[in-house]
PDB file of N, CA and C in Angstrom:
ATOM      1  N   UNK A   1      31.552   3.206 -45.731  1.00  0.00           N
ATOM      2  CA  UNK A   1      30.629   4.108 -45.177  1.00  0.00           C
ATOM      3  C   UNK A   1      29.937   4.899 -46.277  1.00  0.00           C
ATOM      4  N   UNK A   2      30.576   4.814 -47.290  1.00  0.00           N
ATOM      5  CA  UNK A   2      29.889   5.591 -48.446  1.00  0.00           C
ATOM      6  C   UNK A   2      28.619   4.998 -49.002  1.00  0.00           C
ATOM      7  N   UNK A   3      28.200   3.788 -48.600  1.00  0.00           N
ATOM      8  CA  UNK A   3      27.096   3.066 -48.959  1.00  0.00           C
ATOM      9  C   UNK A   3      25.895   3.480 -47.997  1.00  0.00           C
ATOM     10  N   UNK A   4      26.178   4.303 -47.059  1.00  0.00           N
ATOM     11  CA  UNK A   4      25.187   4.652 -46.116  1.00  0.00           C
ATOM     12  C   UNK A   4      24.658   6.182 -46.606  1.00  0.00           C
ATOM     13  N   UNK A   5      23.270   6.283 -46.590  1.00  0.00           N
ATOM     14  CA  UNK A   5      22.782   7.523 -46.762  1.00  0.00           C
ATOM     15  C   UNK A   5      22.755   8.245 -45.546  1.00  0.00           C
ATOM     16  N   UNK A   6      22.509   9.597 -45.765  1.00  0.00           N
ATOM     17  CA  UNK A   6      22.568  10.648 -44.680  1.00  0.00           C
ATOM     18  C   UNK A   6      21.401  10.235 -43.530  1.00  0.00           C
ATOM     19  N   UNK A   7      20.327   9.786 -44.013  1.00  0.00           N
ATOM     20  CA  UNK A   7      19.312   9.475 -43.050  1.00  0.00           C
ATOM     21  C   UNK A   7      19.573   8.079 -42.158  1.00  0.00           C
ATOM     22  N   UNK A   8      20.361   7.170 -42.943  1.00  0.00           N
ATOM     23  CA  UNK A   8      20.887   6.028 -42.189  1.00  0.00           C
ATOM     24  C   UNK A   8      21.927   6.175 -41.288  1.00  0.00           C
ATOM     25  N   UNK A   9      22.872   7.190 -41.676  1.00  0.00           N
ATOM     26  CA  UNK A   9      23.968   7.603 -40.881  1.00  0.00           C
ATOM     27  C   UNK A   9      23.411   8.353 -39.699  1.00  0.00           C
ATOM     28  N   UNK A  10      22.446   9.231 -39.868  1.00  0.00           N
ATOM     29  CA  UNK A  10      21.889   9.990 -38.718  1.00  0.00           C
ATOM     30  C   UNK A  10      21.300   8.997 -37.898  1.00  0.00           C
ATOM     31  N   UNK A  11      20.521   8.021 -38.172  1.00  0.00           N
ATOM     32  CA  UNK A  11      20.061   6.835 -37.214  1.00  0.00           C
ATOM     33  C   UNK A  11      21.022   6.274 -36.534  1.00  0.00           C
ATOM     34  N   UNK A  12      22.154   5.918 -37.331  1.00  0.00           N
ATOM     35  CA  UNK A  12      23.293   5.148 -36.762  1.00  0.00           C
ATOM     36  C   UNK A  12      23.879   5.872 -35.428  1.00  0.00           C
ATOM     37  N   UNK A  13      24.088   7.354 -35.817  1.00  0.00           N
ATOM     38  CA  UNK A  13      24.612   8.096 -34.691  1.00  0.00           C
ATOM     39  C   UNK A  13      23.567   8.351 -33.481  1.00  0.00           C
ATOM     40  N   UNK A  14      22.381   8.457 -33.754  1.00  0.00           N
ATOM     41  CA  UNK A  14      21.200   8.374 -32.863  1.00  0.00           C
ATOM     42  C   UNK A  14      21.560   7.211 -31.892  1.00  0.00           C
ATOM     43  N   UNK A  15      21.562   5.971 -32.515  1.00  0.00           N
ATOM     44  CA  UNK A  15      21.714   4.943 -31.594  1.00  0.00           C
ATOM     45  C   UNK A  15      22.900   4.697 -30.806  1.00  0.00           C
ATOM     46  N   UNK A  16      24.005   5.117 -31.517  1.00  0.00           N
ATOM     47  CA  UNK A  16      25.359   5.149 -30.753  1.00  0.00           C
ATOM     48  C   UNK A  16      25.188   6.095 -29.492  1.00  0.00           C
ATOM     49  N   UNK A  17      24.441   7.280 -29.824  1.00  0.00           N
ATOM     50  CA  UNK A  17      24.480   8.079 -28.612  1.00  0.00           C
ATOM     51  C   UNK A  17      23.705   7.847 -27.584  1.00  0.00           C
ATOM     52  N   UNK A  18      22.587   7.045 -28.004  1.00  0.00           N
ATOM     53  CA  UNK A  18      21.568   6.516 -27.122  1.00  0.00           C
ATOM     54  C   UNK A  18      22.065   5.455 -26.143  1.00  0.00           C
ATOM     55  N   UNK A  19      22.890   4.545 -26.816  1.00  0.00           N
ATOM     56  CA  UNK A  19      23.558   3.433 -26.276  1.00  0.00           C
ATOM     57  C   UNK A  19      24.694   3.906 -25.150  1.00  0.00           C
ATOM     58  N   UNK A  20      25.257   5.182 -25.580  1.00  0.00           N
ATOM     59  CA  UNK A  20      26.242   5.743 -24.820  1.00  0.00           C
ATOM     60  C   UNK A  20      25.580   6.183 -23.358  1.00  0.00           C
ATOM     61  N   UNK A  21      24.336   6.827 -23.548  1.00  0.00           N
ATOM     62  CA  UNK A  21      23.749   7.423 -22.424  1.00  0.00           C
ATOM     63  C   UNK A  21      23.263   6.175 -21.674  1.00  0.00           C
ATOM     64  N   UNK A  22      22.598   5.113 -21.950  1.00  0.00           N
ATOM     65  CA  UNK A  22      22.340   4.030 -21.462  1.00  0.00           C
ATOM     66  C   UNK A  22      23.474   3.308 -20.638  1.00  0.00           C
ATOM     67  N   UNK A  23      24.807   3.348 -21.114  1.00  0.00           N
ATOM     68  CA  UNK A  23      25.976   2.867 -20.467  1.00  0.00           C
ATOM     69  C   UNK A  23      26.136   3.741 -19.303  1.00  0.00           C
ATOM     70  N   UNK A  24      26.088   4.914 -19.483  1.00  0.00           N
ATOM     71  CA  UNK A  24      26.335   5.939 -18.447  1.00  0.00           C
ATOM     72  C   UNK A  24      25.468   5.713 -17.336  1.00  0.00           C
ATOM     73  N   UNK A  25      24.180   5.686 -17.680  1.00  0.00           N
ATOM     74  CA  UNK A  25      23.165   5.369 -16.552  1.00  0.00           C
ATOM     75  C   UNK A  25      23.253   4.217 -15.794  1.00  0.00           C
ATOM     76  N   UNK A  26      23.500   3.044 -16.510  1.00  0.00           N
ATOM     77  CA  UNK A  26      23.912   1.803 -15.937  1.00  0.00           C
ATOM     78  C   UNK A  26      25.083   1.786 -15.078  1.00  0.00           C
ATOM     79  N   UNK A  27      25.946   2.518 -15.548  1.00  0.00           N
ATOM     80  CA  UNK A  27      27.233   2.466 -14.706  1.00  0.00           C
ATOM     81  C   UNK A  27      27.050   3.206 -13.347  1.00  0.00           C
ATOM     82  N   UNK A  28      26.164   4.399 -13.413  1.00  0.00           N
ATOM     83  CA  UNK A  28      25.938   4.963 -12.398  1.00  0.00           C
ATOM     84  C   UNK A  28      25.011   4.227 -11.240  1.00  0.00           C
ATOM     85  N   UNK A  29      24.047   3.571 -11.966  1.00  0.00           N
ATOM     86  CA  UNK A  29      23.146   2.725 -11.032  1.00  0.00           C
ATOM     87  C   UNK A  29      23.988   1.535 -10.538  1.00  0.00           C
ATOM     88  N   UNK A  30      24.872   1.021 -11.223  1.00  0.00           N
ATOM     89  CA  UNK A  30      25.673  -0.136 -10.643  1.00  0.00           C
ATOM     90  C   UNK A  30      26.676   0.431  -9.547  1.00  0.00           C
ATOM     91  N   UNK A  31      27.097   1.697  -9.644  1.00  0.00           N
ATOM     92  CA  UNK A  31      27.912   2.294  -8.454  1.00  0.00           C
ATOM     93  C   UNK A  31      27.124   2.523  -7.104  1.00  0.00           C
ATOM     94  N   UNK A  32      25.601   2.766  -7.466  1.00  0.00           N
ATOM     95  CA  UNK A  32      25.019   3.046  -6.291  1.00  0.00           C
ATOM     96  C   UNK A  32      24.619   1.781  -5.731  1.00  0.00           C
ATOM     97  N   UNK A  33      24.406   0.791  -6.470  1.00  0.00           N
ATOM     98  CA  UNK A  33      23.849  -0.582  -5.845  1.00  0.00           C
ATOM     99  C   UNK A  33      24.941  -1.228  -5.206  1.00  0.00           C
ATOM    100  N   UNK A  34      26.292  -1.032  -5.646  1.00  0.00           N
ATOM    101  CA  UNK A  34      27.409  -1.414  -4.946  1.00  0.00           C
ATOM    102  C   UNK A  34      27.519  -0.964  -3.583  1.00  0.00           C
ATOM    103  N   UNK A  35      27.305   0.157  -3.668  1.00  0.00           N
ATOM    104  CA  UNK A  35      27.463   1.237  -2.323  1.00  0.00           C
ATOM    105  C   UNK A  35      26.466   0.653  -1.272  1.00  0.00           C
ATOM    106  N   UNK A  36      25.152   0.398  -1.896  1.00  0.00           N
ATOM    107  CA  UNK A  36      24.263  -0.136  -0.971  1.00  0.00           C
ATOM    108  C   UNK A  36      24.474  -1.518  -0.472  1.00  0.00           C
ATOM    109  N   UNK A  37      24.922  -2.327  -1.223  1.00  0.00           N
ATOM    110  CA  UNK A  37      25.357  -3.771  -0.934  1.00  0.00           C
ATOM    111  C   UNK A  37      26.554  -3.603   0.125  1.00  0.00           C
ATOM    112  N   UNK A  38      27.517  -2.787   0.140  1.00  0.00           N
ATOM    113  CA  UNK A  38      28.553  -2.620   1.184  1.00  0.00           C
ATOM    114  C   UNK A  38      27.966  -2.170   2.463  1.00  0.00           C
ATOM    115  N   UNK A  39      27.062  -1.223   2.248  1.00  0.00           N
ATOM    116  CA  UNK A  39      26.334  -0.798   3.507  1.00  0.00           C
ATOM    117  C   UNK A  39      25.595  -1.846   4.272  1.00  0.00           C
ATOM    118  N   UNK A  40      24.815  -2.708   3.640  1.00  0.00           N
ATOM    119  CA  UNK A  40      24.062  -3.617   4.047  1.00  0.00           C
ATOM    120  C   UNK A  40      24.852  -4.754   4.457  1.00  0.00           C
ATOM    121  N   UNK A  41      25.776  -5.135   3.903  1.00  0.00           N
ATOM    122  CA  UNK A  41      26.852  -6.237   4.294  1.00  0.00           C
ATOM    123  C   UNK A  41      27.377  -5.798   5.657  1.00  0.00           C
ATOM    124  N   UNK A  42      27.921  -4.612   5.808  1.00  0.00           N
ATOM    125  CA  UNK A  42      28.354  -4.168   7.019  1.00  0.00           C
ATOM    126  C   UNK A  42      27.244  -4.181   8.175  1.00  0.00           C
ATOM    127  N   UNK A  43      26.182  -3.940   7.797  1.00  0.00           N
ATOM    128  CA  UNK A  43      25.107  -3.875   8.895  1.00  0.00           C
ATOM    129  C   UNK A  43      24.861  -5.294   9.382  1.00  0.00           C
ATOM    130  N   UNK A  44      24.856  -6.206   8.237  1.00  0.00           N
ATOM    131  CA  UNK A  44      24.491  -7.610   8.548  1.00  0.00           C
ATOM    132  C   UNK A  44      25.571  -8.204   9.460  1.00  0.00           C
ATOM    133  N   UNK A  45      26.801  -7.909   9.220  1.00  0.00           N
ATOM    134  CA  UNK A  45      27.861  -8.434  10.017  1.00  0.00           C
ATOM    135  C   UNK A  45      27.694  -7.843  11.538  1.00  0.00           C
ATOM    136  N   UNK A  46      27.463  -6.448  11.551  1.00  0.00           N
ATOM    137  CA  UNK A  46      27.238  -5.950  12.878  1.00  0.00           C
ATOM    138  C   UNK A  46      26.123  -6.793  13.668  1.00  0.00           C
ATOM    139  N   UNK A  47      25.067  -6.816  13.038  1.00  0.00           N
ATOM    140  CA  UNK A  47      23.864  -7.508  13.716  1.00  0.00           C
ATOM    141  C   UNK A  47      24.316  -9.043  14.018  1.00  0.00           C
ATOM    142  N   UNK A  48      25.149  -9.667  13.225  1.00  0.00           N
ATOM    143  CA  UNK A  48      25.572 -11.144  13.552  1.00  0.00           C
ATOM    144  C   UNK A  48      26.351 -11.032  14.772  1.00  0.00           C
ATOM    145  N   UNK A  49      27.276 -10.065  14.932  1.00  0.00           N
ATOM    146  CA  UNK A  49      28.139  -9.907  16.090  1.00  0.00           C
ATOM    147  C   UNK A  49      27.423  -9.722  17.308  1.00  0.00           C
ATOM    148  N   UNK A  50      26.358  -8.771  17.224  1.00  0.00           N
ATOM    149  CA  UNK A  50      25.694  -8.425  18.438  1.00  0.00           C
ATOM    150  C   UNK A  50      24.861  -9.642  18.797  1.00  0.00           C
ATOM    151  N   UNK A  51      24.226 -10.384  17.935  1.00  0.00           N
ATOM    152  CA  UNK A  51      23.548 -11.662  18.177  1.00  0.00           C
ATOM    153  C   UNK A  51      24.272 -12.463  19.062  1.00  0.00           C
ATOM    154  N   UNK A  52      25.527 -12.844  18.543  1.00  0.00           N
ATOM    155  CA  UNK A  52      26.506 -13.820  19.006  1.00  0.00           C
ATOM    156  C   UNK A  52      26.801 -13.338  20.256  1.00  0.00           C
ATOM    157  N   UNK A  53      27.017 -12.060  20.546  1.00  0.00           N
ATOM    158  CA  UNK A  53      27.395 -11.521  21.881  1.00  0.00           C
ATOM    159  C   UNK A  53      26.400 -11.695  22.874  1.00  0.00           C
ATOM    160  N   UNK A  54      25.244 -11.230  22.617  1.00  0.00           N
ATOM    161  CA  UNK A  54      24.103 -11.496  23.326  1.00  0.00           C
ATOM    162  C   UNK A  54      23.850 -13.001  23.897  1.00  0.00           C
ATOM    163  N   UNK A  55      23.832 -13.963  22.873  1.00  0.00           N
ATOM    164  CA  UNK A  55      23.697 -15.248  23.149  1.00  0.00           C
ATOM    165  C   UNK A  55      24.744 -15.922  23.980  1.00  0.00           C
ATOM    166  N   UNK A  56      26.099 -15.472  23.722  1.00  0.00           N
ATOM    167  CA  UNK A  56      27.028 -15.918  24.566  1.00  0.00           C
ATOM    168  C   UNK A  56      26.925 -15.468  25.958  1.00  0.00           C
ATOM    169  N   UNK A  57      26.624 -14.026  26.270  1.00  0.00           N
ATOM    170  CA  UNK A  57      26.335 -13.553  27.462  1.00  0.00           C
ATOM    171  C   UNK A  57      25.240 -14.282  28.169  1.00  0.00           C
ATOM    172  N   UNK A  58      24.126 -14.635  27.519  1.00  0.00           N
ATOM    173  CA  UNK A  58      22.992 -15.277  28.077  1.00  0.00           C
ATOM    174  C   UNK A  58      23.454 -16.700  28.553  1.00  0.00           C
ATOM    175  N   UNK A  59      24.105 -17.327  27.737  1.00  0.00           N
ATOM    176  CA  UNK A  59      24.645 -18.765  28.021  1.00  0.00           C
ATOM    177  C   UNK A  59      25.584 -18.719  29.381  1.00  0.00           C
ATOM    178  N   UNK A  60      26.248 -17.800  29.175  1.00  0.00           N
ATOM    179  CA  UNK A  60      27.238 -17.527  30.566  1.00  0.00           C
ATOM    180  C   UNK A  60      26.250 -17.196  31.820  1.00  0.00           C
ATOM    181  N   UNK A  61      25.297 -16.255  31.648  1.00  0.00           N
ATOM    182  CA  UNK A  61      24.651 -16.073  32.801  1.00  0.00           C
ATOM    183  C   UNK A  61      23.837 -17.368  33.315  1.00  0.00           C
ATOM    184  N   UNK A  62      23.384 -18.048  32.358  1.00  0.00           N
ATOM    185  CA  UNK A  62      22.388 -19.183  32.817  1.00  0.00           C
ATOM    186  C   UNK A  62      23.433 -20.358  33.278  1.00  0.00           C
ATOM    187  N   UNK A  63      24.596 -20.418  32.817  1.00  0.00           N
ATOM    188  CA  UNK A  63      25.468 -21.393  33.449  1.00  0.00           C
ATOM    189  C   UNK A  63      25.893 -20.847  34.930  1.00  0.00           C
ATOM    190  N   UNK A  64      26.067 -19.898  35.117  1.00  0.00           N
ATOM    191  CA  UNK A  64      26.431 -19.315  36.476  1.00  0.00           C
ATOM    192  C   UNK A  64      25.398 -19.527  37.257  1.00  0.00           C
ATOM    193  N   UNK A  65      23.983 -19.257  36.936  1.00  0.00           N
ATOM    194  CA  UNK A  65      22.951 -19.468  37.620  1.00  0.00           C
ATOM    195  C   UNK A  65      22.642 -20.818  37.972  1.00  0.00           C
ATOM    196  N   UNK A  66      22.733 -21.600  37.100  1.00  0.00           N
ATOM    197  CA  UNK A  66      22.644 -23.208  37.282  1.00  0.00           C
ATOM    198  C   UNK A  66      23.684 -23.882  38.217  1.00  0.00           C
ATOM    199  N   UNK A  67      24.958 -23.377  38.141  1.00  0.00           N
ATOM    200  CA  UNK A  67      26.064 -23.795  38.912  1.00  0.00           C
ATOM    201  C   UNK A  67      25.958 -23.373  40.365  1.00  0.00           C
ATOM    202  N   UNK A  68      25.211 -22.274  40.500  1.00  0.00           N
ATOM    203  CA  UNK A  68      25.184 -21.585  42.099  1.00  0.00           C
ATOM    204  C   UNK A  68      24.652 -22.414  43.202  1.00  0.00           C
TER     205      UNK A  68
END
């Protein structure tokens, strides 16, 4: 590292610190996106179960009505 001037060393340190900040920001963003995905996945499963239940109930009621 003795071949680096003070100016080049300063630029290198600035780039390293900038990269470090970007990594922290991306990590935080990734955590928020994962939490959002888990929330939406649970909502999607709930909607799917509700639709299945409503459809099965409707089919049962139509079957009873036609067989009566």
